[in-house]
Amino acid sequence: MPTKKTKEPTERQLRVAAEIQQLLSKQLLTVDLYDEDITPSMVMVTSVKVSPDFSWATVYVHSIGQSDEEQMVEALNRHKGVFRKVIGDNIRLRITPDVRFKLDNSFEEAQKIEALFDNPKVKEDLAKED
């Protein structure tokens, strides 16, 4: 069974993604979306991935202290047109990417891994290997 090969992002994709990340981070601090599900100062843009043809930008966000993260992501996706317009107005691209927001779970995963390393059994096994 052949394995699926994934292409690494190009230098341009990485540059555009970084620019979008910086732009949306600033925008989330300054814009008032009039949506009670979003507390702008509590949303952190952790990373952005841009499709090879620049038609899509997947924005990974993490909530700082907001209780319902799924509701926050849904609210951001409801207002994605506002963010797409901001990208179109500030970044020169032939195609303005359509924005979709996703929840970044990497912080929770890191906490789970850290908790595993704090487990006495795991510490004992690691000590045996040394």
N, C-alpha and C. Protein backbone atom coordinates (compact mmCIF):
# COMPACT_ATOMS: atom_id res chain seq x y z
N MET A 1 0.85 -1.17 0.00
CA MET A 1 0.00 0.00 0.00
C MET A 1 0.90 1.24 0.00
N PRO A 2 0.78 2.09 -1.01
CA PRO A 2 1.63 3.27 -1.08
C PRO A 2 1.24 4.28 0.00
N THR A 3 2.26 4.92 0.54
CA THR A 3 1.99 5.94 1.55
C THR A 3 1.79 7.29 0.89
N LYS A 4 0.99 8.10 1.50
CA LYS A 4 0.71 9.43 0.96
C LYS A 4 1.88 10.36 1.32
N LYS A 5 2.43 10.99 0.31
CA LYS A 5 3.53 11.91 0.53
C LYS A 5 2.97 13.32 0.64
N THR A 6 3.40 14.02 1.66
CA THR A 6 2.97 15.40 1.82
C THR A 6 4.12 16.33 1.45
N LYS A 7 3.79 17.34 0.71
CA LYS A 7 4.80 18.31 0.32
C LYS A 7 5.01 19.31 1.43
N GLU A 8 6.24 19.67 1.61
CA GLU A 8 6.56 20.73 2.57
C GLU A 8 6.09 22.05 1.99
N PRO A 9 5.68 22.98 2.85
CA PRO A 9 5.26 24.29 2.33
C PRO A 9 6.45 25.04 1.73
N THR A 10 6.16 25.81 0.70
CA THR A 10 7.22 26.58 0.04
C THR A 10 7.58 27.78 0.91
N GLU A 11 8.69 28.40 0.57
CA GLU A 11 9.14 29.59 1.29
C GLU A 11 8.08 30.70 1.22
N ARG A 12 7.47 30.84 0.05
CA ARG A 12 6.44 31.86 -0.12
C ARG A 12 5.21 31.56 0.74
N GLN A 13 4.80 30.30 0.78
CA GLN A 13 3.67 29.92 1.63
C GLN A 13 3.96 30.26 3.09
N LEU A 14 5.17 29.98 3.54
CA LEU A 14 5.53 30.26 4.92
C LEU A 14 5.54 31.76 5.20
N ARG A 15 6.04 32.54 4.24
CA ARG A 15 6.07 34.00 4.41
C ARG A 15 4.66 34.57 4.47
N VAL A 16 3.80 34.14 3.55
CA VAL A 16 2.42 34.63 3.52
C VAL A 16 1.68 34.19 4.80
N ALA A 17 1.90 32.96 5.24
CA ALA A 17 1.26 32.48 6.46
C ALA A 17 1.69 33.31 7.67
N ALA A 18 2.97 33.63 7.75
CA ALA A 18 3.46 34.44 8.87
C ALA A 18 2.87 35.85 8.82
N GLU A 19 2.75 36.39 7.63
CA GLU A 19 2.17 37.73 7.48
C GLU A 19 0.69 37.73 7.88
N ILE A 20 -0.04 36.69 7.47
CA ILE A 20 -1.45 36.57 7.83
C ILE A 20 -1.59 36.40 9.34
N GLN A 21 -0.72 35.59 9.94
CA GLN A 21 -0.78 35.38 11.38
C GLN A 21 -0.58 36.69 12.14
N GLN A 22 0.40 37.45 11.73
CA GLN A 22 0.67 38.73 12.39
C GLN A 22 -0.50 39.70 12.19
N LEU A 23 -1.01 39.76 10.98
CA LEU A 23 -2.12 40.67 10.67
C LEU A 23 -3.38 40.32 11.46
N LEU A 24 -3.74 39.04 11.49
CA LEU A 24 -4.95 38.63 12.20
C LEU A 24 -4.79 38.78 13.71
N SER A 25 -3.58 38.56 14.22
CA SER A 25 -3.35 38.75 15.66
C SER A 25 -3.61 40.20 16.04
N LYS A 26 -3.09 41.12 15.24
CA LYS A 26 -3.33 42.55 15.50
C LYS A 26 -4.81 42.88 15.34
N GLN A 27 -5.43 42.32 14.32
CA GLN A 27 -6.84 42.61 14.03
C GLN A 27 -7.74 42.13 15.16
N LEU A 28 -7.43 40.97 15.72
CA LEU A 28 -8.26 40.45 16.81
C LEU A 28 -8.17 41.32 18.06
N LEU A 29 -7.09 42.04 18.22
CA LEU A 29 -6.95 42.93 19.37
C LEU A 29 -7.70 44.24 19.18
N THR A 30 -7.85 44.67 17.93
CA THR A 30 -8.41 46.00 17.68
C THR A 30 -9.85 46.00 17.20
N VAL A 31 -10.30 44.95 16.54
CA VAL A 31 -11.63 44.96 15.94
C VAL A 31 -12.69 44.58 16.97
N ASP A 32 -13.85 45.19 16.85
CA ASP A 32 -14.99 44.84 17.69
C ASP A 32 -16.01 44.16 16.79
N LEU A 33 -16.19 42.86 16.97
CA LEU A 33 -17.07 42.09 16.10
C LEU A 33 -18.51 42.06 16.61
N TYR A 34 -18.76 42.66 17.76
CA TYR A 34 -20.10 42.68 18.35
C TYR A 34 -20.67 41.27 18.46
N ASP A 35 -19.85 40.37 18.92
CA ASP A 35 -20.27 38.99 19.10
C ASP A 35 -19.90 38.58 20.52
N GLU A 36 -20.90 38.18 21.29
CA GLU A 36 -20.65 37.85 22.69
C GLU A 36 -19.85 36.56 22.86
N ASP A 37 -19.71 35.76 21.81
CA ASP A 37 -18.94 34.52 21.89
C ASP A 37 -17.44 34.74 21.73
N ILE A 38 -17.05 35.96 21.36
CA ILE A 38 -15.64 36.25 21.12
C ILE A 38 -15.19 37.37 22.06
N THR A 39 -14.16 37.08 22.84
CA THR A 39 -13.48 38.12 23.60
C THR A 39 -12.14 38.31 22.90
N PRO A 40 -12.01 39.35 22.05
CA PRO A 40 -10.84 39.48 21.18
C PRO A 40 -9.49 39.40 21.89
N SER A 41 -9.38 40.00 23.06
CA SER A 41 -8.09 39.98 23.74
C SER A 41 -7.75 38.60 24.30
N MET A 42 -8.71 37.69 24.28
CA MET A 42 -8.49 36.34 24.80
C MET A 42 -8.26 35.30 23.71
N VAL A 43 -8.11 35.75 22.47
CA VAL A 43 -7.88 34.84 21.36
C VAL A 43 -6.45 35.00 20.87
N MET A 44 -5.74 33.87 20.78
CA MET A 44 -4.36 33.89 20.32
C MET A 44 -4.26 33.09 19.01
N VAL A 45 -3.71 33.71 17.97
CA VAL A 45 -3.48 33.02 16.71
C VAL A 45 -2.15 32.28 16.85
N THR A 46 -2.20 30.94 16.87
CA THR A 46 -0.98 30.17 17.12
C THR A 46 -0.23 29.84 15.84
N SER A 47 -0.96 29.60 14.76
CA SER A 47 -0.29 29.33 13.48
C SER A 47 -1.28 29.47 12.34
N VAL A 48 -0.73 29.59 11.14
CA VAL A 48 -1.54 29.70 9.92
C VAL A 48 -0.92 28.79 8.88
N LYS A 49 -1.75 28.05 8.19
CA LYS A 49 -1.30 27.22 7.08
C LYS A 49 -2.03 27.67 5.83
N VAL A 50 -1.27 27.91 4.77
CA VAL A 50 -1.84 28.39 3.52
C VAL A 50 -1.77 27.28 2.49
N SER A 51 -2.84 27.11 1.71
CA SER A 51 -2.85 26.09 0.67
C SER A 51 -1.85 26.46 -0.43
N PRO A 52 -1.36 25.48 -1.20
CA PRO A 52 -0.37 25.77 -2.24
C PRO A 52 -0.82 26.80 -3.27
N ASP A 53 -2.13 26.87 -3.54
CA ASP A 53 -2.62 27.86 -4.52
C ASP A 53 -3.10 29.14 -3.84
N PHE A 54 -2.89 29.27 -2.55
CA PHE A 54 -3.24 30.45 -1.76
C PHE A 54 -4.74 30.74 -1.74
N SER A 55 -5.56 29.74 -2.01
CA SER A 55 -7.01 29.96 -1.99
C SER A 55 -7.60 29.75 -0.59
N TRP A 56 -6.88 29.05 0.28
CA TRP A 56 -7.34 28.79 1.64
C TRP A 56 -6.26 29.15 2.64
N ALA A 57 -6.67 29.68 3.76
CA ALA A 57 -5.77 29.90 4.90
C ALA A 57 -6.46 29.32 6.13
N THR A 58 -5.85 28.31 6.71
CA THR A 58 -6.38 27.71 7.92
C THR A 58 -5.68 28.37 9.10
N VAL A 59 -6.46 29.02 9.94
CA VAL A 59 -5.93 29.78 11.07
C VAL A 59 -6.21 28.99 12.35
N TYR A 60 -5.15 28.61 13.04
CA TYR A 60 -5.28 27.87 14.29
C TYR A 60 -5.26 28.86 15.45
N VAL A 61 -6.29 28.78 16.29
CA VAL A 61 -6.43 29.72 17.40
C VAL A 61 -6.51 28.97 18.72
N HIS A 62 -6.12 29.67 19.76
CA HIS A 62 -6.19 29.13 21.12
C HIS A 62 -6.83 30.19 22.00
N SER A 63 -7.69 29.76 22.88
CA SER A 63 -8.38 30.69 23.77
C SER A 63 -7.62 30.78 25.09
N ILE A 64 -7.46 32.00 25.55
CA ILE A 64 -6.80 32.23 26.83
C ILE A 64 -7.89 32.55 27.85
N GLY A 65 -8.25 31.57 28.63
CA GLY A 65 -9.22 31.79 29.69
C GLY A 65 -10.68 31.85 29.28
N GLN A 66 -10.97 31.58 28.03
CA GLN A 66 -12.37 31.58 27.58
C GLN A 66 -12.93 30.18 27.79
N SER A 67 -14.13 30.07 28.31
CA SER A 67 -14.66 28.78 28.71
C SER A 67 -15.04 27.88 27.53
N ASP A 68 -15.79 28.38 26.58
CA ASP A 68 -16.26 27.54 25.48
C ASP A 68 -15.48 27.84 24.20
N GLU A 69 -14.43 27.07 23.98
CA GLU A 69 -13.55 27.32 22.83
C GLU A 69 -14.22 26.98 21.51
N GLU A 70 -15.02 25.92 21.49
CA GLU A 70 -15.71 25.54 20.26
C GLU A 70 -16.66 26.64 19.80
N GLN A 71 -17.35 27.24 20.73
CA GLN A 71 -18.27 28.33 20.41
C GLN A 71 -17.50 29.54 19.88
N MET A 72 -16.31 29.78 20.43
CA MET A 72 -15.47 30.88 19.97
C MET A 72 -15.05 30.65 18.52
N VAL A 73 -14.64 29.42 18.20
CA VAL A 73 -14.21 29.10 16.83
C VAL A 73 -15.37 29.24 15.86
N GLU A 74 -16.56 28.79 16.27
CA GLU A 74 -17.74 28.96 15.42
C GLU A 74 -18.03 30.43 15.17
N ALA A 75 -17.88 31.25 16.20
CA ALA A 75 -18.12 32.69 16.05
C ALA A 75 -17.09 33.32 15.12
N LEU A 76 -15.83 32.92 15.25
CA LEU A 76 -14.80 33.44 14.34
C LEU A 76 -15.10 33.05 12.90
N ASN A 77 -15.56 31.82 12.70
CA ASN A 77 -15.90 31.38 11.35
C ASN A 77 -17.12 32.11 10.80
N ARG A 78 -18.02 32.54 11.68
CA ARG A 78 -19.17 33.34 11.23
C ARG A 78 -18.70 34.69 10.69
N HIS A 79 -17.60 35.21 11.24
CA HIS A 79 -17.09 36.52 10.86
C HIS A 79 -15.87 36.43 9.93
N LYS A 80 -15.68 35.28 9.28
CA LYS A 80 -14.48 35.10 8.47
C LYS A 80 -14.40 36.07 7.30
N GLY A 81 -15.52 36.57 6.84
CA GLY A 81 -15.52 37.55 5.75
C GLY A 81 -14.81 38.84 6.13
N VAL A 82 -14.97 39.25 7.39
CA VAL A 82 -14.29 40.45 7.89
C VAL A 82 -12.78 40.24 7.82
N PHE A 83 -12.33 39.08 8.25
CA PHE A 83 -10.90 38.79 8.27
C PHE A 83 -10.35 38.63 6.86
N ARG A 84 -11.15 38.07 5.97
CA ARG A 84 -10.70 37.92 4.58
C ARG A 84 -10.52 39.30 3.95
N LYS A 85 -11.42 40.22 4.25
CA LYS A 85 -11.31 41.57 3.72
C LYS A 85 -10.05 42.26 4.25
N VAL A 86 -9.76 42.07 5.51
CA VAL A 86 -8.56 42.65 6.10
C VAL A 86 -7.31 42.11 5.40
N ILE A 87 -7.29 40.82 5.12
CA ILE A 87 -6.15 40.22 4.42
C ILE A 87 -6.04 40.81 3.02
N GLY A 88 -7.17 40.90 2.32
CA GLY A 88 -7.17 41.46 0.97
C GLY A 88 -6.73 42.91 0.91
N ASP A 89 -7.07 43.68 1.94
CA ASP A 89 -6.69 45.09 1.97
C ASP A 89 -5.23 45.32 2.33
N ASN A 90 -4.61 44.36 3.02
CA ASN A 90 -3.27 44.58 3.56
C ASN A 90 -2.16 43.74 2.95
N ILE A 91 -2.50 42.65 2.28
CA ILE A 91 -1.48 41.78 1.69
C ILE A 91 -1.75 41.67 0.20
N ARG A 92 -0.73 41.97 -0.60
CA ARG A 92 -0.91 41.89 -2.06
C ARG A 92 -0.76 40.45 -2.53
N LEU A 93 -1.88 39.87 -2.88
CA LEU A 93 -1.93 38.52 -3.44
C LEU A 93 -2.89 38.53 -4.62
N ARG A 94 -2.62 37.66 -5.57
CA ARG A 94 -3.53 37.57 -6.71
C ARG A 94 -4.89 37.07 -6.26
N ILE A 95 -4.90 36.12 -5.35
CA ILE A 95 -6.14 35.57 -4.79
C ILE A 95 -6.12 35.82 -3.29
N THR A 96 -7.16 36.41 -2.77
CA THR A 96 -7.27 36.56 -1.31
C THR A 96 -7.79 35.25 -0.75
N PRO A 97 -7.02 34.63 0.14
CA PRO A 97 -7.44 33.31 0.64
C PRO A 97 -8.71 33.38 1.48
N ASP A 98 -9.52 32.35 1.35
CA ASP A 98 -10.69 32.19 2.19
C ASP A 98 -10.18 31.68 3.54
N VAL A 99 -10.65 32.27 4.60
CA VAL A 99 -10.14 31.97 5.94
C VAL A 99 -11.05 30.98 6.64
N ARG A 100 -10.45 30.00 7.29
CA ARG A 100 -11.21 29.11 8.16
C ARG A 100 -10.44 28.96 9.46
N PHE A 101 -11.16 29.03 10.54
CA PHE A 101 -10.56 28.96 11.87
C PHE A 101 -10.72 27.57 12.44
N LYS A 102 -9.67 27.09 13.10
CA LYS A 102 -9.71 25.80 13.78
C LYS A 102 -9.08 25.96 15.15
N LEU A 103 -9.53 25.14 16.06
CA LEU A 103 -9.01 25.17 17.42
C LEU A 103 -7.66 24.47 17.46
N ASP A 104 -6.68 25.09 18.10
CA ASP A 104 -5.35 24.51 18.24
C ASP A 104 -5.30 23.75 19.56
N ASN A 105 -5.16 22.44 19.47
CA ASN A 105 -5.14 21.59 20.67
C ASN A 105 -3.73 21.25 21.13
N SER A 106 -2.73 21.87 20.55
CA SER A 106 -1.35 21.50 20.87
C SER A 106 -1.00 21.79 22.34
N PHE A 107 -1.61 22.82 22.93
CA PHE A 107 -1.33 23.13 24.32
C PHE A 107 -1.84 22.03 25.25
N GLU A 108 -3.03 21.52 24.96
CA GLU A 108 -3.58 20.44 25.77
C GLU A 108 -2.76 19.17 25.60
N GLU A 109 -2.34 18.90 24.37
CA GLU A 109 -1.51 17.72 24.13
C GLU A 109 -0.18 17.82 24.86
N ALA A 110 0.41 19.01 24.88
CA ALA A 110 1.67 19.20 25.60
C ALA A 110 1.49 18.98 27.09
N GLN A 111 0.36 19.42 27.63
CA GLN A 111 0.09 19.21 29.05
C GLN A 111 -0.07 17.72 29.36
N LYS A 112 -0.71 16.97 28.47
CA LYS A 112 -0.87 15.53 28.67
C LYS A 112 0.49 14.84 28.67
N ILE A 113 1.35 15.22 27.75
CA ILE A 113 2.67 14.62 27.67
C ILE A 113 3.49 14.97 28.91
N GLU A 114 3.39 16.22 29.34
CA GLU A 114 4.11 16.64 30.55
C GLU A 114 3.62 15.86 31.76
N ALA A 115 2.31 15.62 31.83
CA ALA A 115 1.75 14.85 32.94
C ALA A 115 2.27 13.41 32.91
N LEU A 116 2.44 12.86 31.72
CA LEU A 116 2.99 11.51 31.60
C LEU A 116 4.42 11.46 32.14
N PHE A 117 5.21 12.47 31.84
CA PHE A 117 6.59 12.49 32.33
C PHE A 117 6.66 12.66 33.85
N ASP A 118 5.63 13.24 34.44
CA ASP A 118 5.59 13.39 35.89
C ASP A 118 5.11 12.13 36.59
N ASN A 119 4.61 11.16 35.84
CA ASN A 119 4.15 9.90 36.40
C ASN A 119 5.34 9.15 37.02
N PRO A 120 5.21 8.67 38.25
CA PRO A 120 6.33 7.97 38.91
C PRO A 120 6.83 6.74 38.14
N LYS A 121 5.91 6.00 37.51
CA LYS A 121 6.32 4.81 36.74
C LYS A 121 7.21 5.21 35.56
N VAL A 122 6.83 6.29 34.87
CA VAL A 122 7.60 6.75 33.72
C VAL A 122 8.96 7.26 34.19
N LYS A 123 8.99 7.98 35.29
CA LYS A 123 10.26 8.47 35.84
C LYS A 123 11.19 7.30 36.17
N GLU A 124 10.59 6.24 36.73
CA GLU A 124 11.37 5.05 37.07
C GLU A 124 11.96 4.39 35.82
N ASP A 125 11.13 4.29 34.76
CA ASP A 125 11.61 3.70 33.51
C ASP A 125 12.69 4.55 32.87
N LEU A 126 12.55 5.86 32.93
CA LEU A 126 13.57 6.74 32.36
C LEU A 126 14.87 6.65 33.14
N ALA A 127 14.76 6.50 34.45
CA ALA A 127 15.96 6.37 35.28
C ALA A 127 16.70 5.06 34.97
N LYS A 128 15.97 4.00 34.63
CA LYS A 128 16.59 2.71 34.30
C LYS A 128 17.40 2.81 33.02
N GLU A 129 16.93 3.60 32.06
CA GLU A 129 17.62 3.72 30.78
C GLU A 129 18.93 4.48 30.91
N ASP A 130 19.03 5.36 31.92
CA ASP A 130 20.26 6.13 32.11
C ASP A 130 21.27 5.30 32.80
